[in-house]
mmCIF file of all heavy atoms, coordinates in Angstrom:
data_MODEL
# 
_entry.id   MODEL 
# 
loop_
_atom_site.group_PDB 
_atom_site.id 
_atom_site.type_symbol 
_atom_site.label_atom_id 
_atom_site.label_alt_id 
_atom_site.label_comp_id 
_atom_site.label_asym_id 
_atom_site.label_entity_id 
_atom_site.label_seq_id 
_atom_site.pdbx_PDB_ins_code 
_atom_site.Cartn_x 
_atom_site.Cartn_y 
_atom_site.Cartn_z 
_atom_site.occupancy 
_atom_site.B_iso_or_equiv 
_atom_site.pdbx_formal_charge 
_atom_site.auth_seq_id 
_atom_site.auth_comp_id 
_atom_site.auth_asym_id 
_atom_site.auth_atom_id 
_atom_site.pdbx_PDB_model_num 
ATOM 1   N N   . ALA A 1 1  ? 37.838 91.967 93.892  1.00 0.00 ? 1  ALA A N   1 
ATOM 2   C CA  . ALA A 1 1  ? 37.475 90.742 94.613  1.00 0.00 ? 1  ALA A CA  1 
ATOM 3   C C   . ALA A 1 1  ? 38.515 90.399 95.666  1.00 0.00 ? 1  ALA A C   1 
ATOM 4   O O   . ALA A 1 1  ? 38.180 89.955 96.780  1.00 0.00 ? 1  ALA A O   1 
ATOM 5   C CB  . ALA A 1 1  ? 37.318 89.578 93.636  1.00 0.00 ? 1  ALA A CB  1 
ATOM 6   N N   . VAL A 1 2  ? 39.793 90.617 95.352  1.00 0.00 ? 2  VAL A N   1 
ATOM 7   C CA  . VAL A 1 2  ? 40.855 90.361 96.328  1.00 0.00 ? 2  VAL A CA  1 
ATOM 8   C C   . VAL A 1 2  ? 40.704 91.311 97.513  1.00 0.00 ? 2  VAL A C   1 
ATOM 9   O O   . VAL A 1 2  ? 40.886 90.906 98.672  1.00 0.00 ? 2  VAL A O   1 
ATOM 10  C CB  . VAL A 1 2  ? 42.242 90.505 95.668  1.00 0.00 ? 2  VAL A CB  1 
ATOM 11  C CG1 . VAL A 1 2  ? 43.351 90.526 96.726  1.00 0.00 ? 2  VAL A CG1 1 
ATOM 12  C CG2 . VAL A 1 2  ? 42.487 89.366 94.688  1.00 0.00 ? 2  VAL A CG2 1 
ATOM 13  N N   . ARG A 1 3  ? 40.354 92.564 97.257  1.00 0.00 ? 3  ARG A N   1 
ATOM 14  C CA  . ARG A 1 3  ? 40.126 93.514 98.355  1.00 0.00 ? 3  ARG A CA  1 
ATOM 15  C C   . ARG A 1 3  ? 38.981 93.049 99.245  1.00 0.00 ? 3  ARG A C   1 
ATOM 16  O O   . ARG A 1 3  ? 39.059 93.156 100.475 1.00 0.00 ? 3  ARG A O   1 
ATOM 17  C CB  . ARG A 1 3  ? 39.833 94.911 97.803  1.00 0.00 ? 3  ARG A CB  1 
ATOM 18  C CG  . ARG A 1 3  ? 41.062 95.643 97.286  1.00 0.00 ? 3  ARG A CG  1 
ATOM 19  C CD  . ARG A 1 3  ? 40.756 97.109 97.025  1.00 0.00 ? 3  ARG A CD  1 
ATOM 20  N NE  . ARG A 1 3  ? 41.949 97.794 96.543  1.00 0.00 ? 3  ARG A NE  1 
ATOM 21  C CZ  . ARG A 1 3  ? 42.281 97.897 95.265  1.00 0.00 ? 3  ARG A CZ  1 
ATOM 22  N NH1 . ARG A 1 3  ? 41.485 97.365 94.343  1.00 0.00 ? 3  ARG A NH1 1 
ATOM 23  N NH2 . ARG A 1 3  ? 43.378 98.513 94.895  1.00 0.00 ? 3  ARG A NH2 1 
ATOM 24  N N   . ARG A 1 4  ? 37.901 92.555 98.624  1.00 0.00 ? 4  ARG A N   1 
ATOM 25  C CA  . ARG A 1 4  ? 36.783 92.050 99.419  1.00 0.00 ? 4  ARG A CA  1 
ATOM 26  C C   . ARG A 1 4  ? 37.230 90.873 100.278 1.00 0.00 ? 4  ARG A C   1 
ATOM 27  O O   . ARG A 1 4  ? 36.880 90.770 101.456 1.00 0.00 ? 4  ARG A O   1 
ATOM 28  C CB  . ARG A 1 4  ? 35.619 91.639 98.510  1.00 0.00 ? 4  ARG A CB  1 
ATOM 29  C CG  . ARG A 1 4  ? 34.765 92.792 98.039  1.00 0.00 ? 4  ARG A CG  1 
ATOM 30  C CD  . ARG A 1 4  ? 33.473 92.307 97.405  1.00 0.00 ? 4  ARG A CD  1 
ATOM 31  N NE  . ARG A 1 4  ? 33.715 91.694 96.104  1.00 0.00 ? 4  ARG A NE  1 
ATOM 32  C CZ  . ARG A 1 4  ? 33.759 92.363 94.958  1.00 0.00 ? 4  ARG A CZ  1 
ATOM 33  N NH1 . ARG A 1 4  ? 33.582 93.671 94.946  1.00 0.00 ? 4  ARG A NH1 1 
ATOM 34  N NH2 . ARG A 1 4  ? 33.966 91.730 93.822  1.00 0.00 ? 4  ARG A NH2 1 
ATOM 35  N N   . PHE A 1 5  ? 38.009 89.985 99.678  1.00 0.00 ? 5  PHE A N   1 
ATOM 36  C CA  . PHE A 1 5  ? 38.528 88.833 100.414 1.00 0.00 ? 5  PHE A CA  1 
ATOM 37  C C   . PHE A 1 5  ? 39.407 89.290 101.571 1.00 0.00 ? 5  PHE A C   1 
ATOM 38  O O   . PHE A 1 5  ? 39.300 88.788 102.697 1.00 0.00 ? 5  PHE A O   1 
ATOM 39  C CB  . PHE A 1 5  ? 39.316 87.915 99.467  1.00 0.00 ? 5  PHE A CB  1 
ATOM 40  C CG  . PHE A 1 5  ? 39.934 86.729 100.143 1.00 0.00 ? 5  PHE A CG  1 
ATOM 41  C CD1 . PHE A 1 5  ? 39.234 85.538 100.274 1.00 0.00 ? 5  PHE A CD1 1 
ATOM 42  C CD2 . PHE A 1 5  ? 41.224 86.795 100.671 1.00 0.00 ? 5  PHE A CD2 1 
ATOM 43  C CE1 . PHE A 1 5  ? 39.791 84.441 100.915 1.00 0.00 ? 5  PHE A CE1 1 
ATOM 44  C CE2 . PHE A 1 5  ? 41.795 85.711 101.309 1.00 0.00 ? 5  PHE A CE2 1 
ATOM 45  C CZ  . PHE A 1 5  ? 41.073 84.526 101.432 1.00 0.00 ? 5  PHE A CZ  1 
ATOM 46  N N   . GLN A 1 6  ? 40.291 90.237 101.315 1.00 0.00 ? 6  GLN A N   1 
ATOM 47  C CA  . GLN A 1 6  ? 41.199 90.726 102.353 1.00 0.00 ? 6  GLN A CA  1 
ATOM 48  C C   . GLN A 1 6  ? 40.429 91.382 103.490 1.00 0.00 ? 6  GLN A C   1 
ATOM 49  O O   . GLN A 1 6  ? 40.757 91.169 104.666 1.00 0.00 ? 6  GLN A O   1 
ATOM 50  C CB  . GLN A 1 6  ? 42.198 91.714 101.731 1.00 0.00 ? 6  GLN A CB  1 
ATOM 51  C CG  . GLN A 1 6  ? 43.212 91.040 100.812 1.00 0.00 ? 6  GLN A CG  1 
ATOM 52  C CD  . GLN A 1 6  ? 44.016 92.026 99.978  1.00 0.00 ? 6  GLN A CD  1 
ATOM 53  O OE1 . GLN A 1 6  ? 43.519 93.092 99.618  1.00 0.00 ? 6  GLN A OE1 1 
ATOM 54  N NE2 . GLN A 1 6  ? 45.256 91.670 99.655  1.00 0.00 ? 6  GLN A NE2 1 
ATOM 55  N N   . LYS A 1 7  ? 39.400 92.154 103.169 1.00 0.00 ? 7  LYS A N   1 
ATOM 56  C CA  . LYS A 1 7  ? 38.609 92.796 104.209 1.00 0.00 ? 7  LYS A CA  1 
ATOM 57  C C   . LYS A 1 7  ? 37.925 91.752 105.085 1.00 0.00 ? 7  LYS A C   1 
ATOM 58  O O   . LYS A 1 7  ? 37.895 91.881 106.313 1.00 0.00 ? 7  LYS A O   1 
ATOM 59  C CB  . LYS A 1 7  ? 37.566 93.724 103.576 1.00 0.00 ? 7  LYS A CB  1 
ATOM 60  C CG  . LYS A 1 7  ? 36.747 94.496 104.607 1.00 0.00 ? 7  LYS A CG  1 
ATOM 61  C CD  . LYS A 1 7  ? 35.793 95.476 103.933 1.00 0.00 ? 7  LYS A CD  1 
ATOM 62  C CE  . LYS A 1 7  ? 35.020 96.277 104.975 1.00 0.00 ? 7  LYS A CE  1 
ATOM 63  N NZ  . LYS A 1 7  ? 34.111 97.260 104.344 1.00 0.00 ? 7  LYS A NZ  1 
ATOM 64  N N   . ARG A 1 8  ? 37.382 90.703 104.452 1.00 0.00 ? 8  ARG A N   1 
ATOM 65  C CA  . ARG A 1 8  ? 36.683 89.649 105.217 1.00 0.00 ? 8  ARG A CA  1 
ATOM 66  C C   . ARG A 1 8  ? 37.625 88.865 106.121 1.00 0.00 ? 8  ARG A C   1 
ATOM 67  O O   . ARG A 1 8  ? 37.191 88.229 107.070 1.00 0.00 ? 8  ARG A O   1 
ATOM 68  C CB  . ARG A 1 8  ? 35.997 88.660 104.263 1.00 0.00 ? 8  ARG A CB  1 
ATOM 69  C CG  . ARG A 1 8  ? 34.838 89.219 103.497 1.00 0.00 ? 8  ARG A CG  1 
ATOM 70  C CD  . ARG A 1 8  ? 34.008 88.123 102.838 1.00 0.00 ? 8  ARG A CD  1 
ATOM 71  N NE  . ARG A 1 8  ? 34.755 87.232 101.980 1.00 0.00 ? 8  ARG A NE  1 
ATOM 72  C CZ  . ARG A 1 8  ? 34.998 85.962 102.264 1.00 0.00 ? 8  ARG A CZ  1 
ATOM 73  N NH1 . ARG A 1 8  ? 34.587 85.429 103.408 1.00 0.00 ? 8  ARG A NH1 1 
ATOM 74  N NH2 . ARG A 1 8  ? 35.672 85.207 101.410 1.00 0.00 ? 8  ARG A NH2 1 
ATOM 75  N N   . HIS A 1 9  ? 38.917 88.902 105.816 1.00 0.00 ? 9  HIS A N   1 
ATOM 76  C CA  . HIS A 1 9  ? 39.890 88.137 106.591 1.00 0.00 ? 9  HIS A CA  1 
ATOM 77  C C   . HIS A 1 9  ? 40.801 89.013 107.451 1.00 0.00 ? 9  HIS A C   1 
ATOM 78  O O   . HIS A 1 9  ? 41.807 88.543 107.981 1.00 0.00 ? 9  HIS A O   1 
ATOM 79  C CB  . HIS A 1 9  ? 40.728 87.259 105.649 1.00 0.00 ? 9  HIS A CB  1 
ATOM 80  C CG  . HIS A 1 9  ? 39.930 86.149 105.011 1.00 0.00 ? 9  HIS A CG  1 
ATOM 81  N ND1 . HIS A 1 9  ? 39.061 86.370 103.980 1.00 0.00 ? 9  HIS A ND1 1 
ATOM 82  C CD2 . HIS A 1 9  ? 39.862 84.818 105.292 1.00 0.00 ? 9  HIS A CD2 1 
ATOM 83  C CE1 . HIS A 1 9  ? 38.495 85.225 103.623 1.00 0.00 ? 9  HIS A CE1 1 
ATOM 84  N NE2 . HIS A 1 9  ? 38.947 84.282 104.409 1.00 0.00 ? 9  HIS A NE2 1 
ATOM 85  N N   . GLY A 1 10 ? 40.435 90.294 107.588 1.00 0.00 ? 10 GLY A N   1 
ATOM 86  C CA  . GLY A 1 10 ? 41.190 91.183 108.462 1.00 0.00 ? 10 GLY A CA  1 
ATOM 87  C C   . GLY A 1 10 ? 42.581 91.505 107.960 1.00 0.00 ? 10 GLY A C   1 
ATOM 88  O O   . GLY A 1 10 ? 43.481 91.781 108.763 1.00 0.00 ? 10 GLY A O   1 
ATOM 89  N N   . LEU A 1 11 ? 42.768 91.502 106.647 1.00 0.00 ? 11 LEU A N   1 
ATOM 90  C CA  . LEU A 1 11 ? 44.078 91.753 106.050 1.00 0.00 ? 11 LEU A CA  1 
ATOM 91  C C   . LEU A 1 11 ? 44.118 93.149 105.439 1.00 0.00 ? 11 LEU A C   1 
ATOM 92  O O   . LEU A 1 11 ? 43.080 93.754 105.171 1.00 0.00 ? 11 LEU A O   1 
ATOM 93  C CB  . LEU A 1 11 ? 44.369 90.708 104.962 1.00 0.00 ? 11 LEU A CB  1 
ATOM 94  C CG  . LEU A 1 11 ? 44.317 89.250 105.407 1.00 0.00 ? 11 LEU A CG  1 
ATOM 95  C CD1 . LEU A 1 11 ? 44.371 88.325 104.200 1.00 0.00 ? 11 LEU A CD1 1 
ATOM 96  C CD2 . LEU A 1 11 ? 45.465 88.947 106.365 1.00 0.00 ? 11 LEU A CD2 1 
ATOM 97  N N   . GLY A 1 12 ? 45.321 93.655 105.204 1.00 0.00 ? 12 GLY A N   1 
ATOM 98  C CA  . GLY A 1 12 ? 45.461 94.932 104.526 1.00 0.00 ? 12 GLY A CA  1 
ATOM 99  C C   . GLY A 1 12 ? 44.836 94.861 103.141 1.00 0.00 ? 12 GLY A C   1 
ATOM 100 O O   . GLY A 1 12 ? 45.121 93.932 102.372 1.00 0.00 ? 12 GLY A O   1 
ATOM 101 N N   . GLU A 1 13 ? 43.994 95.837 102.813 1.00 0.00 ? 13 GLU A N   1 
ATOM 102 C CA  . GLU A 1 13 ? 43.233 95.803 101.552 1.00 0.00 ? 13 GLU A CA  1 
ATOM 103 C C   . GLU A 1 13 ? 44.057 96.404 100.415 1.00 0.00 ? 13 GLU A C   1 
ATOM 104 O O   . GLU A 1 13 ? 43.873 97.542 100.006 1.00 0.00 ? 13 GLU A O   1 
ATOM 105 C CB  . GLU A 1 13 ? 41.906 96.528 101.740 1.00 0.00 ? 13 GLU A CB  1 
ATOM 106 C CG  . GLU A 1 13 ? 41.010 95.868 102.776 1.00 0.00 ? 13 GLU A CG  1 
ATOM 107 C CD  . GLU A 1 13 ? 39.786 96.698 103.121 1.00 0.00 ? 13 GLU A CD  1 
ATOM 108 O OE1 . GLU A 1 13 ? 39.186 97.281 102.205 1.00 0.00 ? 13 GLU A OE1 1 
ATOM 109 O OE2 . GLU A 1 13 ? 39.448 96.774 104.326 1.00 0.00 ? 13 GLU A OE2 1 
ATOM 110 N N   . THR A 1 14 ? 44.968 95.600 99.880  1.00 0.00 ? 14 THR A N   1 
ATOM 111 C CA  . THR A 1 14 ? 45.887 96.057 98.840  1.00 0.00 ? 14 THR A CA  1 
ATOM 112 C C   . THR A 1 14 ? 45.397 95.755 97.426  1.00 0.00 ? 14 THR A C   1 
ATOM 113 O O   . THR A 1 14 ? 45.834 96.386 96.472  1.00 0.00 ? 14 THR A O   1 
ATOM 114 C CB  . THR A 1 14 ? 47.261 95.389 99.025  1.00 0.00 ? 14 THR A CB  1 
ATOM 115 O OG1 . THR A 1 14 ? 47.120 93.971 98.856  1.00 0.00 ? 14 THR A OG1 1 
ATOM 116 C CG2 . THR A 1 14 ? 47.816 95.678 100.421 1.00 0.00 ? 14 THR A CG2 1 
ATOM 117 N N   . GLY A 1 15 ? 44.533 94.755 97.287  1.00 0.00 ? 15 GLY A N   1 
ATOM 118 C CA  . GLY A 1 15 ? 44.093 94.339 95.951  1.00 0.00 ? 15 GLY A CA  1 
ATOM 119 C C   . GLY A 1 15 ? 45.092 93.469 95.235  1.00 0.00 ? 15 GLY A C   1 
ATOM 120 O O   . GLY A 1 15 ? 44.880 93.084 94.081  1.00 0.00 ? 15 GLY A O   1 
ATOM 121 N N   . THR A 1 16 ? 46.197 93.142 95.900  1.00 0.00 ? 16 THR A N   1 
ATOM 122 C CA  . THR A 1 16 ? 47.203 92.241 95.332  1.00 0.00 ? 16 THR A CA  1 
ATOM 123 C C   . THR A 1 16 ? 47.368 91.028 96.258  1.00 0.00 ? 16 THR A C   1 
ATOM 124 O O   . THR A 1 16 ? 47.119 91.117 97.459  1.00 0.00 ? 16 THR A O   1 
ATOM 125 C CB  . THR A 1 16 ? 48.563 92.939 95.179  1.00 0.00 ? 16 THR A CB  1 
ATOM 126 O OG1 . THR A 1 16 ? 49.021 93.364 96.473  1.00 0.00 ? 16 THR A OG1 1 
ATOM 127 C CG2 . THR A 1 16 ? 48.448 94.151 94.268  1.00 0.00 ? 16 THR A CG2 1 
ATOM 128 N N   . VAL A 1 17 ? 47.795 89.920 95.668  1.00 0.00 ? 17 VAL A N   1 
ATOM 129 C CA  . VAL A 1 17 ? 47.968 88.688 96.449  1.00 0.00 ? 17 VAL A CA  1 
ATOM 130 C C   . VAL A 1 17 ? 49.385 88.655 97.007  1.00 0.00 ? 17 VAL A C   1 
ATOM 131 O O   . VAL A 1 17 ? 50.338 88.267 96.325  1.00 0.00 ? 17 VAL A O   1 
ATOM 132 C CB  . VAL A 1 17 ? 47.680 87.437 95.589  1.00 0.00 ? 17 VAL A CB  1 
ATOM 133 C CG1 . VAL A 1 17 ? 47.892 86.167 96.406  1.00 0.00 ? 17 VAL A CG1 1 
ATOM 134 C CG2 . VAL A 1 17 ? 46.261 87.470 95.050  1.00 0.00 ? 17 VAL A CG2 1 
ATOM 135 N N   . ASN A 1 18 ? 49.524 89.087 98.259  1.00 0.00 ? 18 ASN A N   1 
ATOM 136 C CA  . ASN A 1 18 ? 50.816 89.018 98.947  1.00 0.00 ? 18 ASN A CA  1 
ATOM 137 C C   . ASN A 1 18 ? 50.874 87.742 99.779  1.00 0.00 ? 18 ASN A C   1 
ATOM 138 O O   . ASN A 1 18 ? 49.998 86.879 99.695  1.00 0.00 ? 18 ASN A O   1 
ATOM 139 C CB  . ASN A 1 18 ? 51.020 90.266 99.817  1.00 0.00 ? 18 ASN A CB  1 
ATOM 140 C CG  . ASN A 1 18 ? 49.819 90.516 100.737 1.00 0.00 ? 18 ASN A CG  1 
ATOM 141 O OD1 . ASN A 1 18 ? 49.089 89.599 101.084 1.00 0.00 ? 18 ASN A OD1 1 
ATOM 142 N ND2 . ASN A 1 18 ? 49.621 91.772 101.116 1.00 0.00 ? 18 ASN A ND2 1 
ATOM 143 N N   . GLY A 1 19 ? 51.890 87.616 100.606 1.00 0.00 ? 19 GLY A N   1 
ATOM 144 C CA  . GLY A 1 19 ? 52.078 86.385 101.370 1.00 0.00 ? 19 GLY A CA  1 
ATOM 145 C C   . GLY A 1 19 ? 50.930 86.069 102.307 1.00 0.00 ? 19 GLY A C   1 
ATOM 146 O O   . GLY A 1 19 ? 50.434 84.936 102.355 1.00 0.00 ? 19 GLY A O   1 
ATOM 147 N N   . ALA A 1 20 ? 50.473 87.079 103.082 1.00 0.00 ? 20 ALA A N   1 
ATOM 148 C CA  . ALA A 1 20 ? 49.396 86.837 104.039 1.00 0.00 ? 20 ALA A CA  1 
ATOM 149 C C   . ALA A 1 20 ? 48.101 86.478 103.325 1.00 0.00 ? 20 ALA A C   1 
ATOM 150 O O   . ALA A 1 20 ? 47.350 85.600 103.775 1.00 0.00 ? 20 ALA A O   1 
ATOM 151 C CB  . ALA A 1 20 ? 49.202 88.077 104.915 1.00 0.00 ? 20 ALA A CB  1 
ATOM 152 N N   . THR A 1 21 ? 47.835 87.144 102.199 1.00 0.00 ? 21 THR A N   1 
ATOM 153 C CA  . THR A 1 21 ? 46.618 86.860 101.438 1.00 0.00 ? 21 THR A CA  1 
ATOM 154 C C   . THR A 1 21 ? 46.682 85.457 100.839 1.00 0.00 ? 21 THR A C   1 
ATOM 155 O O   . THR A 1 21 ? 45.688 84.718 100.840 1.00 0.00 ? 21 THR A O   1 
ATOM 156 C CB  . THR A 1 21 ? 46.425 87.901 100.326 1.00 0.00 ? 21 THR A CB  1 
ATOM 157 O OG1 . THR A 1 21 ? 46.375 89.197 100.916 1.00 0.00 ? 21 THR A OG1 1 
ATOM 158 C CG2 . THR A 1 21 ? 45.153 87.656 99.545  1.00 0.00 ? 21 THR A CG2 1 
ATOM 159 N N   . LEU A 1 22 ? 47.845 85.084 100.334 1.00 0.00 ? 22 LEU A N   1 
ATOM 160 C CA  . LEU A 1 22 ? 48.018 83.746 99.757  1.00 0.00 ? 22 LEU A CA  1 
ATOM 161 C C   . LEU A 1 22 ? 47.778 82.666 100.810 1.00 0.00 ? 22 LEU A C   1 
ATOM 162 O O   . LEU A 1 22 ? 47.111 81.647 100.546 1.00 0.00 ? 22 LEU A O   1 
ATOM 163 C CB  . LEU A 1 22 ? 49.437 83.620 99.182  1.00 0.00 ? 22 LEU A CB  1 
ATOM 164 C CG  . LEU A 1 22 ? 49.695 82.434 98.239  1.00 0.00 ? 22 LEU A CG  1 
ATOM 165 C CD1 . LEU A 1 22 ? 48.840 82.570 96.981  1.00 0.00 ? 22 LEU A CD1 1 
ATOM 166 C CD2 . LEU A 1 22 ? 51.175 82.371 97.875  1.00 0.00 ? 22 LEU A CD2 1 
ATOM 167 N N   . THR A 1 23 ? 48.289 82.889 102.013 1.00 0.00 ? 23 THR A N   1 
ATOM 168 C CA  . THR A 1 23 ? 48.084 81.925 103.100 1.00 0.00 ? 23 THR A CA  1 
ATOM 169 C C   . THR A 1 23 ? 46.599 81.772 103.404 1.00 0.00 ? 23 THR A C   1 
ATOM 170 O O   . THR A 1 23 ? 46.097 80.652 103.564 1.00 0.00 ? 23 THR A O   1 
ATOM 171 C CB  . THR A 1 23 ? 48.834 82.380 104.361 1.00 0.00 ? 23 THR A CB  1 
ATOM 172 O OG1 . THR A 1 23 ? 50.238 82.420 104.082 1.00 0.00 ? 23 THR A OG1 1 
ATOM 173 C CG2 . THR A 1 23 ? 48.582 81.425 105.521 1.00 0.00 ? 23 THR A CG2 1 
ATOM 174 N N   . ALA A 1 24 ? 45.866 82.897 103.468 1.00 0.00 ? 24 ALA A N   1 
ATOM 175 C CA  . ALA A 1 24 ? 44.433 82.839 103.764 1.00 0.00 ? 24 ALA A CA  1 
ATOM 176 C C   . ALA A 1 24 ? 43.655 82.176 102.635 1.00 0.00 ? 24 ALA A C   1 
ATOM 177 O O   . ALA A 1 24 ? 42.710 81.411 102.873 1.00 0.00 ? 24 ALA A O   1 
ATOM 178 C CB  . ALA A 1 24 ? 43.906 84.249 104.020 1.00 0.00 ? 24 ALA A CB  1 
ATOM 179 N N   . LEU A 1 25 ? 44.038 82.452 101.384 1.00 0.00 ? 25 LEU A N   1 
ATOM 180 C CA  . LEU A 1 25 ? 43.364 81.829 100.242 1.00 0.00 ? 25 LEU A CA  1 
ATOM 181 C C   . LEU A 1 25 ? 43.500 80.314 100.261 1.00 0.00 ? 25 LEU A C   1 
ATOM 182 O O   . LEU A 1 25 ? 42.591 79.586 99.852  1.00 0.00 ? 25 LEU A O   1 
ATOM 183 C CB  . LEU A 1 25 ? 43.943 82.377 98.925  1.00 0.00 ? 25 LEU A CB  1 
ATOM 184 C CG  . LEU A 1 25 ? 43.527 83.778 98.498  1.00 0.00 ? 25 LEU A CG  1 
ATOM 185 C CD1 . LEU A 1 25 ? 44.445 84.298 97.395  1.00 0.00 ? 25 LEU A CD1 1 
ATOM 186 C CD2 . LEU A 1 25 ? 42.082 83.795 98.015  1.00 0.00 ? 25 LEU A CD2 1 
# 
């Protein structure tokens, strides 16, 4: 689910919640 979220937001698809992913969430 995190990978799907990252793809939808143009982020690296790591599957982990890093800083950029946390900001977008």
